[in-house]
Amino acid sequence: MSLEEFAALPAEGARHELDRGELITMAPPQFLHSDIVSNLFYALGRHVRTLKLGYVHAEAGFVLSSDPATVRQPDVSFLSASAAVRKPTKGYFPGAPTIAFEVVSPSESATDLETKIRQYLTAGSKAVVSIYPDSRSVWVHRPDGASRRLEGDAALTFPDILDEWSLPLGDTFPASAE
């Protein structure tokens, strides 16, 4: 499928991504997934707005490649102010988010997740965060190949990108998920 065909899909309520020309249809997120996205979106959004660092989006489309056509929708994305100069008024963002946050769904395979992470980083993301609700852990992946696992009392931070922003993992996961 081409980018043009993908963009012309009817808005039927299902989420779609385009992976190397292949249409991927995703089930609606479950409540735990949505709770984590909300917690992250509000905590990050407040900080980014206050310091005018850029923009925070939920499920925005990013064209990671046009040949083969790849459009991804991270659960939450941060787009730095410098990257946002290319922010379109229509269509999808041409490029990768500065940071992509993906809450891992039970149906998502490790291979599919690895593919997404690689696609974001190859397209220019400075970090990709994969959030695992069941283990209440987070992996942060960087373009240089470095990855780190956070769990327990750790906090999600990006001093090189988001200044002093910090989100304790306990504030990322809802209390009912314990």
N, C-alpha and C. Protein backbone atom coordinates (compact mmCIF):
# COMPACT_ATOMS: atom_id res chain seq x y z
N MET A 1 0.85 -1.17 0.00
CA MET A 1 0.00 0.00 0.00
C MET A 1 0.89 1.24 0.00
N SER A 2 0.51 2.23 -0.75
CA SER A 2 1.28 3.48 -0.81
C SER A 2 0.84 4.43 0.30
N LEU A 3 1.63 5.47 0.51
CA LEU A 3 1.26 6.50 1.50
C LEU A 3 -0.06 7.16 1.12
N GLU A 4 -0.27 7.39 -0.17
CA GLU A 4 -1.51 8.03 -0.63
C GLU A 4 -2.71 7.15 -0.36
N GLU A 5 -2.59 5.85 -0.62
CA GLU A 5 -3.69 4.91 -0.35
C GLU A 5 -3.96 4.83 1.15
N PHE A 6 -2.90 4.82 1.94
CA PHE A 6 -3.05 4.77 3.38
C PHE A 6 -3.77 6.02 3.90
N ALA A 7 -3.37 7.17 3.41
CA ALA A 7 -3.99 8.44 3.84
C ALA A 7 -5.46 8.52 3.44
N ALA A 8 -5.84 7.80 2.40
CA ALA A 8 -7.23 7.84 1.91
C ALA A 8 -8.14 6.82 2.60
N LEU A 9 -7.62 6.03 3.52
CA LEU A 9 -8.45 5.05 4.22
C LEU A 9 -9.58 5.76 4.96
N PRO A 10 -10.78 5.16 4.98
CA PRO A 10 -11.87 5.78 5.74
C PRO A 10 -11.59 5.72 7.24
N ALA A 11 -12.04 6.72 7.94
CA ALA A 11 -11.87 6.78 9.39
C ALA A 11 -12.98 5.95 10.03
N GLU A 12 -12.77 4.64 10.11
CA GLU A 12 -13.80 3.74 10.62
C GLU A 12 -13.70 3.48 12.11
N GLY A 13 -12.75 4.11 12.76
CA GLY A 13 -12.60 3.93 14.20
C GLY A 13 -11.45 3.02 14.59
N ALA A 14 -10.97 2.17 13.68
CA ALA A 14 -9.84 1.30 13.99
C ALA A 14 -8.54 2.07 13.79
N ARG A 15 -7.55 1.71 14.58
CA ARG A 15 -6.21 2.29 14.41
C ARG A 15 -5.46 1.47 13.37
N HIS A 16 -4.72 2.18 12.53
CA HIS A 16 -3.92 1.51 11.52
C HIS A 16 -2.50 2.06 11.54
N GLU A 17 -1.57 1.22 11.15
CA GLU A 17 -0.22 1.65 10.84
C GLU A 17 0.14 1.02 9.51
N LEU A 18 1.15 1.55 8.89
CA LEU A 18 1.63 1.03 7.61
C LEU A 18 3.07 0.61 7.83
N ASP A 19 3.35 -0.69 7.67
CA ASP A 19 4.68 -1.22 7.90
C ASP A 19 5.25 -1.75 6.58
N ARG A 20 6.14 -0.97 5.99
CA ARG A 20 6.79 -1.34 4.73
C ARG A 20 5.75 -1.73 3.68
N GLY A 21 4.71 -0.89 3.58
CA GLY A 21 3.67 -1.09 2.58
C GLY A 21 2.56 -2.03 2.99
N GLU A 22 2.66 -2.63 4.16
CA GLU A 22 1.63 -3.57 4.63
C GLU A 22 0.75 -2.89 5.67
N LEU A 23 -0.56 -2.96 5.45
CA LEU A 23 -1.52 -2.36 6.38
C LEU A 23 -1.62 -3.21 7.64
N ILE A 24 -1.46 -2.56 8.79
CA ILE A 24 -1.59 -3.23 10.09
C ILE A 24 -2.80 -2.61 10.80
N THR A 25 -3.78 -3.44 11.15
CA THR A 25 -4.95 -2.98 11.89
C THR A 25 -4.78 -3.41 13.35
N MET A 26 -5.00 -2.47 14.26
CA MET A 26 -4.78 -2.73 15.67
C MET A 26 -6.09 -2.64 16.44
N ALA A 27 -6.22 -3.51 17.40
CA ALA A 27 -7.40 -3.50 18.26
C ALA A 27 -7.39 -2.25 19.13
N PRO A 28 -8.56 -1.80 19.57
CA PRO A 28 -8.59 -0.65 20.48
C PRO A 28 -7.81 -0.97 21.75
N PRO A 29 -7.16 0.02 22.34
CA PRO A 29 -6.39 -0.24 23.55
C PRO A 29 -7.29 -0.63 24.72
N GLN A 30 -6.77 -1.49 25.58
CA GLN A 30 -7.48 -1.86 26.79
C GLN A 30 -7.29 -0.75 27.82
N PHE A 31 -8.05 -0.80 28.92
CA PHE A 31 -8.04 0.29 29.88
C PHE A 31 -6.69 0.51 30.56
N LEU A 32 -5.98 -0.55 30.90
CA LEU A 32 -4.66 -0.37 31.53
C LEU A 32 -3.73 0.37 30.58
N HIS A 33 -3.74 -0.03 29.32
CA HIS A 33 -2.95 0.63 28.28
C HIS A 33 -3.30 2.12 28.24
N SER A 34 -4.58 2.41 28.21
CA SER A 34 -5.06 3.79 28.14
C SER A 34 -4.68 4.59 29.39
N ASP A 35 -4.75 3.96 30.56
CA ASP A 35 -4.35 4.64 31.80
C ASP A 35 -2.87 5.05 31.75
N ILE A 36 -2.03 4.16 31.28
CA ILE A 36 -0.59 4.45 31.20
C ILE A 36 -0.35 5.59 30.21
N VAL A 37 -1.02 5.53 29.05
CA VAL A 37 -0.88 6.59 28.05
C VAL A 37 -1.32 7.92 28.64
N SER A 38 -2.43 7.95 29.34
CA SER A 38 -2.92 9.19 29.95
C SER A 38 -1.94 9.74 30.97
N ASN A 39 -1.43 8.89 31.85
CA ASN A 39 -0.47 9.33 32.87
C ASN A 39 0.77 9.95 32.23
N LEU A 40 1.29 9.27 31.23
CA LEU A 40 2.49 9.75 30.54
C LEU A 40 2.21 11.04 29.77
N PHE A 41 1.10 11.08 29.05
CA PHE A 41 0.74 12.24 28.24
C PHE A 41 0.61 13.50 29.10
N TYR A 42 -0.09 13.40 30.22
CA TYR A 42 -0.30 14.58 31.06
C TYR A 42 0.97 15.02 31.77
N ALA A 43 1.75 14.07 32.28
CA ALA A 43 2.99 14.44 32.98
C ALA A 43 3.99 15.07 32.02
N LEU A 44 4.15 14.48 30.86
CA LEU A 44 5.09 15.01 29.88
C LEU A 44 4.57 16.31 29.27
N GLY A 45 3.29 16.34 28.95
CA GLY A 45 2.70 17.53 28.34
C GLY A 45 2.82 18.77 29.20
N ARG A 46 2.59 18.63 30.48
CA ARG A 46 2.69 19.76 31.41
C ARG A 46 4.10 20.34 31.38
N HIS A 47 5.10 19.48 31.44
CA HIS A 47 6.49 19.93 31.45
C HIS A 47 6.87 20.58 30.12
N VAL A 48 6.51 19.95 29.03
CA VAL A 48 6.88 20.45 27.70
C VAL A 48 6.22 21.80 27.42
N ARG A 49 4.96 21.94 27.81
CA ARG A 49 4.26 23.23 27.61
C ARG A 49 4.88 24.33 28.47
N THR A 50 5.14 24.01 29.72
CA THR A 50 5.69 25.01 30.64
C THR A 50 7.02 25.57 30.14
N LEU A 51 7.89 24.68 29.66
CA LEU A 51 9.21 25.12 29.21
C LEU A 51 9.28 25.40 27.71
N LYS A 52 8.13 25.26 27.03
CA LYS A 52 8.06 25.51 25.58
C LYS A 52 9.12 24.70 24.83
N LEU A 53 9.19 23.40 25.16
CA LEU A 53 10.19 22.52 24.56
C LEU A 53 9.74 21.93 23.23
N GLY A 54 8.44 21.99 22.94
CA GLY A 54 7.91 21.39 21.72
C GLY A 54 6.46 20.98 21.91
N TYR A 55 6.14 19.77 21.45
CA TYR A 55 4.76 19.29 21.47
C TYR A 55 4.70 17.84 21.92
N VAL A 56 3.61 17.50 22.59
CA VAL A 56 3.34 16.12 22.99
C VAL A 56 2.04 15.71 22.31
N HIS A 57 2.06 14.53 21.69
CA HIS A 57 0.89 14.03 20.97
C HIS A 57 0.55 12.62 21.43
N ALA A 58 -0.71 12.27 21.30
CA ALA A 58 -1.17 10.90 21.50
C ALA A 58 -1.62 10.37 20.14
N GLU A 59 -1.04 9.25 19.74
CA GLU A 59 -1.41 8.54 18.52
C GLU A 59 -1.32 9.36 17.25
N ALA A 60 -0.37 10.28 17.16
CA ALA A 60 -0.15 11.04 15.92
C ALA A 60 0.60 10.16 14.92
N GLY A 61 0.35 10.38 13.64
CA GLY A 61 1.00 9.61 12.59
C GLY A 61 2.32 10.22 12.15
N PHE A 62 3.33 9.38 12.00
CA PHE A 62 4.66 9.80 11.56
C PHE A 62 5.09 8.95 10.37
N VAL A 63 5.46 9.61 9.28
CA VAL A 63 5.96 8.89 8.10
C VAL A 63 7.44 8.63 8.33
N LEU A 64 7.76 7.38 8.65
CA LEU A 64 9.15 7.02 8.94
C LEU A 64 9.92 6.68 7.67
N SER A 65 9.18 6.32 6.63
CA SER A 65 9.80 6.00 5.35
C SER A 65 8.73 6.11 4.26
N SER A 66 9.13 6.60 3.10
CA SER A 66 8.17 6.65 1.99
C SER A 66 8.41 5.50 1.01
N ASP A 67 9.60 4.89 1.06
CA ASP A 67 9.88 3.76 0.18
C ASP A 67 10.79 2.79 0.90
N PRO A 68 10.26 1.75 1.50
CA PRO A 68 8.85 1.36 1.49
C PRO A 68 8.03 2.22 2.46
N ALA A 69 6.77 2.38 2.15
CA ALA A 69 5.88 3.25 2.92
C ALA A 69 5.69 2.70 4.34
N THR A 70 6.06 3.54 5.32
CA THR A 70 5.93 3.16 6.73
C THR A 70 5.40 4.36 7.51
N VAL A 71 4.23 4.18 8.13
CA VAL A 71 3.62 5.20 8.98
C VAL A 71 3.35 4.55 10.33
N ARG A 72 3.89 5.12 11.37
CA ARG A 72 3.69 4.61 12.73
C ARG A 72 2.96 5.65 13.58
N GLN A 73 2.22 5.15 14.58
CA GLN A 73 1.49 5.99 15.53
C GLN A 73 1.90 5.60 16.94
N PRO A 74 2.95 6.20 17.47
CA PRO A 74 3.29 5.86 18.85
C PRO A 74 2.16 6.26 19.79
N ASP A 75 2.06 5.55 20.89
CA ASP A 75 1.00 5.87 21.86
C ASP A 75 1.13 7.30 22.33
N VAL A 76 2.35 7.72 22.63
CA VAL A 76 2.65 9.11 22.99
C VAL A 76 3.93 9.47 22.26
N SER A 77 4.01 10.71 21.80
CA SER A 77 5.23 11.16 21.15
C SER A 77 5.57 12.57 21.61
N PHE A 78 6.87 12.82 21.66
CA PHE A 78 7.37 14.16 21.92
C PHE A 78 8.06 14.62 20.66
N LEU A 79 7.71 15.83 20.22
CA LEU A 79 8.32 16.45 19.06
C LEU A 79 8.98 17.74 19.54
N SER A 80 10.29 17.79 19.47
CA SER A 80 11.01 18.97 19.96
C SER A 80 10.63 20.20 19.15
N ALA A 81 10.82 21.38 19.74
CA ALA A 81 10.50 22.63 19.06
C ALA A 81 11.28 22.76 17.76
N SER A 82 12.53 22.32 17.75
CA SER A 82 13.32 22.43 16.52
C SER A 82 12.81 21.50 15.43
N ALA A 83 12.33 20.32 15.80
CA ALA A 83 11.77 19.40 14.81
C ALA A 83 10.39 19.86 14.35
N ALA A 84 9.68 20.56 15.22
CA ALA A 84 8.30 20.96 14.93
C ALA A 84 8.19 22.01 13.84
N VAL A 85 9.30 22.57 13.37
CA VAL A 85 9.21 23.52 12.26
C VAL A 85 8.67 22.84 11.01
N ARG A 86 8.74 21.48 10.98
CA ARG A 86 8.19 20.72 9.86
C ARG A 86 6.79 20.19 10.15
N LYS A 87 6.19 20.62 11.24
CA LYS A 87 4.88 20.11 11.66
C LYS A 87 3.81 20.51 10.63
N PRO A 88 3.17 19.51 9.99
CA PRO A 88 2.19 19.83 8.95
C PRO A 88 0.84 20.25 9.53
N THR A 89 0.07 20.97 8.74
CA THR A 89 -1.30 21.30 9.14
C THR A 89 -2.25 20.20 8.67
N LYS A 90 -1.83 19.40 7.69
CA LYS A 90 -2.61 18.25 7.20
C LYS A 90 -1.68 17.06 7.08
N GLY A 91 -2.27 15.89 7.13
CA GLY A 91 -1.48 14.69 6.91
C GLY A 91 -0.65 14.28 8.11
N TYR A 92 0.38 13.52 7.83
CA TYR A 92 1.24 12.97 8.88
C TYR A 92 2.55 13.73 8.95
N PHE A 93 3.21 13.63 10.09
CA PHE A 93 4.49 14.31 10.25
C PHE A 93 5.54 13.61 9.37
N PRO A 94 6.31 14.38 8.60
CA PRO A 94 7.33 13.79 7.73
C PRO A 94 8.63 13.51 8.48
N GLY A 95 8.70 12.38 9.13
CA GLY A 95 9.88 12.03 9.91
C GLY A 95 9.48 11.38 11.21
N ALA A 96 10.44 11.21 12.07
CA ALA A 96 10.23 10.52 13.34
C ALA A 96 10.00 11.51 14.47
N PRO A 97 9.28 11.08 15.51
CA PRO A 97 9.19 11.92 16.71
C PRO A 97 10.55 11.96 17.40
N THR A 98 10.79 12.98 18.18
CA THR A 98 12.04 13.07 18.93
C THR A 98 12.12 11.91 19.92
N ILE A 99 11.01 11.66 20.62
CA ILE A 99 10.89 10.48 21.49
C ILE A 99 9.56 9.80 21.18
N ALA A 100 9.60 8.49 20.94
CA ALA A 100 8.39 7.69 20.75
C ALA A 100 8.18 6.82 21.98
N PHE A 101 6.96 6.82 22.49
CA PHE A 101 6.60 6.00 23.64
C PHE A 101 5.59 4.96 23.18
N GLU A 102 5.90 3.70 23.36
CA GLU A 102 5.02 2.60 22.96
C GLU A 102 4.66 1.77 24.19
N VAL A 103 3.38 1.68 24.49
CA VAL A 103 2.91 0.78 25.54
C VAL A 103 2.70 -0.57 24.86
N VAL A 104 3.41 -1.57 25.33
CA VAL A 104 3.41 -2.88 24.67
C VAL A 104 2.10 -3.61 24.99
N SER A 105 1.40 -3.98 23.92
CA SER A 105 0.13 -4.70 24.04
C SER A 105 0.39 -6.19 24.18
N PRO A 106 -0.53 -6.92 24.83
CA PRO A 106 -0.34 -8.37 24.99
C PRO A 106 -0.22 -9.10 23.65
N SER A 107 -0.85 -8.57 22.63
CA SER A 107 -0.83 -9.23 21.32
C SER A 107 0.41 -8.89 20.48
N GLU A 108 1.25 -7.98 20.96
CA GLU A 108 2.40 -7.53 20.19
C GLU A 108 3.57 -8.49 20.35
N SER A 109 4.11 -8.96 19.24
CA SER A 109 5.24 -9.89 19.29
C SER A 109 6.53 -9.11 19.51
N ALA A 110 7.53 -9.81 20.05
CA ALA A 110 8.84 -9.19 20.27
C ALA A 110 9.44 -8.75 18.94
N THR A 111 9.25 -9.53 17.90
CA THR A 111 9.77 -9.19 16.58
C THR A 111 9.14 -7.90 16.06
N ASP A 112 7.82 -7.78 16.20
CA ASP A 112 7.13 -6.57 15.74
C ASP A 112 7.60 -5.34 16.52
N LEU A 113 7.77 -5.49 17.83
CA LEU A 113 8.23 -4.38 18.64
C LEU A 113 9.66 -3.98 18.26
N GLU A 114 10.53 -4.95 18.07
CA GLU A 114 11.90 -4.65 17.65
C GLU A 114 11.92 -3.92 16.32
N THR A 115 11.04 -4.32 15.41
CA THR A 115 10.95 -3.66 14.10
C THR A 115 10.57 -2.20 14.27
N LYS A 116 9.54 -1.94 15.09
CA LYS A 116 9.11 -0.56 15.34
C LYS A 116 10.23 0.28 15.93
N ILE A 117 10.90 -0.26 16.93
CA ILE A 117 11.99 0.47 17.59
C ILE A 117 13.06 0.83 16.56
N ARG A 118 13.46 -0.15 15.77
CA ARG A 118 14.49 0.09 14.74
C ARG A 118 14.02 1.15 13.73
N GLN A 119 12.75 1.08 13.32
CA GLN A 119 12.22 2.05 12.36
C GLN A 119 12.25 3.47 12.93
N TYR A 120 11.82 3.64 14.17
CA TYR A 120 11.86 4.97 14.79
C TYR A 120 13.29 5.51 14.85
N LEU A 121 14.21 4.69 15.35
CA LEU A 121 15.59 5.14 15.52
C LEU A 121 16.26 5.41 14.19
N THR A 122 16.02 4.59 13.19
CA THR A 122 16.59 4.79 11.87
C THR A 122 16.07 6.08 11.24
N ALA A 123 14.80 6.40 11.51
CA ALA A 123 14.18 7.60 10.94
C ALA A 123 14.56 8.87 11.69
N GLY A 124 15.25 8.75 12.84
CA GLY A 124 15.74 9.94 13.52
C GLY A 124 15.30 10.17 14.95
N SER A 125 14.53 9.26 15.53
CA SER A 125 14.16 9.43 16.94
C SER A 125 15.41 9.41 17.81
N LYS A 126 15.42 10.26 18.84
CA LYS A 126 16.54 10.32 19.78
C LYS A 126 16.40 9.25 20.88
N ALA A 127 15.15 8.77 21.06
CA ALA A 127 14.89 7.71 22.03
C ALA A 127 13.56 7.06 21.70
N VAL A 128 13.47 5.76 22.01
CA VAL A 128 12.21 5.03 21.92
C VAL A 128 12.02 4.34 23.27
N VAL A 129 10.84 4.52 23.84
CA VAL A 129 10.52 3.97 25.15
C VAL A 129 9.46 2.90 24.98
N SER A 130 9.78 1.68 25.39
CA SER A 130 8.79 0.60 25.37
C SER A 130 8.38 0.32 26.82
N ILE A 131 7.08 0.38 27.04
CA ILE A 131 6.51 0.29 28.39
C ILE A 131 5.75 -1.03 28.50
N TYR A 132 6.12 -1.82 29.50
CA TYR A 132 5.54 -3.15 29.70
C TYR A 132 4.61 -3.14 30.92
N PRO A 133 3.30 -3.07 30.70
CA PRO A 133 2.36 -2.99 31.82
C PRO A 133 2.42 -4.18 32.76
N ASP A 134 2.55 -5.40 32.25
CA ASP A 134 2.51 -6.58 33.11
C ASP A 134 3.68 -6.64 34.08
N SER A 135 4.87 -6.29 33.64
CA SER A 135 6.04 -6.35 34.52
C SER A 135 6.33 -5.00 35.18
N ARG A 136 5.54 -3.98 34.81
CA ARG A 136 5.72 -2.63 35.33
C ARG A 136 7.18 -2.18 35.13
N SER A 137 7.67 -2.45 33.94
CA SER A 137 9.03 -2.05 33.60
C SER A 137 9.03 -1.27 32.29
N VAL A 138 10.14 -0.58 32.06
CA VAL A 138 10.30 0.28 30.89
C VAL A 138 11.69 0.04 30.31
N TRP A 139 11.77 0.00 29.00
CA TRP A 139 13.06 -0.04 28.30
C TRP A 139 13.22 1.24 27.52
N VAL A 140 14.40 1.85 27.61
CA VAL A 140 14.72 3.05 26.84
C VAL A 140 15.80 2.66 25.83
N HIS A 141 15.51 2.89 24.55
CA HIS A 141 16.41 2.53 23.46
C HIS A 141 16.94 3.81 22.82
N ARG A 142 18.23 3.83 22.50
CA ARG A 142 18.88 5.00 21.91
C ARG A 142 19.49 4.63 20.55
N PRO A 143 19.71 5.63 19.69
CA PRO A 143 20.24 5.36 18.35
C PRO A 143 21.63 4.69 18.33
N ASP A 144 22.41 4.90 19.38
CA ASP A 144 23.75 4.30 19.41
C ASP A 144 23.71 2.82 19.79
N GLY A 145 22.51 2.27 19.97
CA GLY A 145 22.37 0.86 20.32
C GLY A 145 22.25 0.62 21.82
N ALA A 146 22.45 1.66 22.61
CA ALA A 146 22.33 1.50 24.06
C ALA A 146 20.86 1.34 24.44
N SER A 147 20.62 0.42 25.37
CA SER A 147 19.28 0.22 25.93
C SER A 147 19.43 0.06 27.43
N ARG A 148 18.44 0.57 28.15
CA ARG A 148 18.48 0.39 29.60
C ARG A 148 17.08 0.07 30.09
N ARG A 149 17.03 -0.79 31.10
CA ARG A 149 15.76 -1.21 31.69
C ARG A 149 15.55 -0.45 32.98
N LEU A 150 14.33 0.04 33.17
CA LEU A 150 13.96 0.73 34.39
C LEU A 150 12.83 -0.06 35.06
N GLU A 151 12.91 -0.15 36.37
CA GLU A 151 11.85 -0.83 37.13
C GLU A 151 11.88 -0.35 38.57
N GLY A 152 10.89 -0.76 39.32
CA GLY A 152 10.84 -0.41 40.73
C GLY A 152 10.72 1.07 40.97
N ASP A 153 11.66 1.64 41.74
CA ASP A 153 11.63 3.05 42.12
C ASP A 153 12.31 3.97 41.11
N ALA A 154 12.72 3.44 39.98
CA ALA A 154 13.42 4.25 38.98
C ALA A 154 12.49 5.30 38.40
N ALA A 155 13.09 6.28 37.76
CA ALA A 155 12.32 7.35 37.10
C ALA A 155 12.75 7.46 35.65
N LEU A 156 11.80 7.79 34.83
CA LEU A 156 12.05 8.02 33.41
C LEU A 156 12.57 9.44 33.26
N THR A 157 13.78 9.61 32.71
CA THR A 157 14.39 10.92 32.52
C THR A 157 15.08 10.97 31.17
N PHE A 158 15.19 12.17 30.63
CA PHE A 158 15.92 12.44 29.39
C PHE A 158 16.59 13.80 29.51
N PRO A 159 17.63 13.92 30.36
CA PRO A 159 18.23 15.23 30.59
C PRO A 159 18.78 15.88 29.33
N ASP A 160 19.20 15.09 28.35
CA ASP A 160 19.74 15.63 27.11
C ASP A 160 18.65 16.14 26.17
N ILE A 161 17.40 15.78 26.43
CA ILE A 161 16.29 16.15 25.54
C ILE A 161 15.23 16.99 26.27
N LEU A 162 14.90 16.59 27.50
CA LEU A 162 13.78 17.22 28.23
C LEU A 162 14.21 17.94 29.50
N ASP A 163 15.45 18.37 29.57
CA ASP A 163 15.96 19.08 30.74
C ASP A 163 15.73 18.27 32.01
N GLU A 164 15.13 18.89 33.01
CA GLU A 164 15.00 18.24 34.32
C GLU A 164 13.75 17.38 34.48
N TRP A 165 13.02 17.09 33.41
CA TRP A 165 11.80 16.28 33.51
C TRP A 165 12.13 14.91 34.07
N SER A 166 11.28 14.46 34.98
CA SER A 166 11.44 13.15 35.59
C SER A 166 10.06 12.60 35.92
N LEU A 167 9.84 11.34 35.56
CA LEU A 167 8.57 10.69 35.88
C LEU A 167 8.86 9.36 36.56
N PRO A 168 8.62 9.29 37.88
CA PRO A 168 8.81 8.02 38.58
C PRO A 168 7.91 6.95 37.96
N LEU A 169 8.43 5.74 37.84
CA LEU A 169 7.63 4.67 37.24
C LEU A 169 6.32 4.46 38.01
N GLY A 170 6.36 4.69 39.32
CA GLY A 170 5.14 4.55 40.11
C GLY A 170 4.04 5.50 39.66
N ASP A 171 4.41 6.64 39.04
CA ASP A 171 3.42 7.58 38.53
C ASP A 171 3.03 7.27 37.09
N THR A 172 3.76 6.36 36.46
CA THR A 172 3.45 5.96 35.09
C THR A 172 2.37 4.89 35.09
N PHE A 173 2.51 3.93 36.00
CA PHE A 173 1.56 2.82 36.08
C PHE A 173 0.48 3.13 37.11
N PRO A 174 -0.78 2.85 36.78
CA PRO A 174 -1.84 3.10 37.77
C PRO A 174 -1.71 2.15 38.97
N ALA A 175 -2.11 2.62 40.11
CA ALA A 175 -1.99 1.85 41.33
C ALA A 175 -2.72 0.51 41.23
N SER A 176 -3.82 0.46 40.49
CA SER A 176 -4.62 -0.76 40.38
C SER A 176 -3.88 -1.85 39.60
N ALA A 177 -2.78 -1.52 38.94
CA ALA A 177 -2.05 -2.51 38.14
C ALA A 177 -1.06 -3.30 38.98
N GLU A 178 -0.95 -3.01 40.25
CA GLU A 178 0.04 -3.67 41.10
C GLU A 178 -0.38 -5.09 41.42
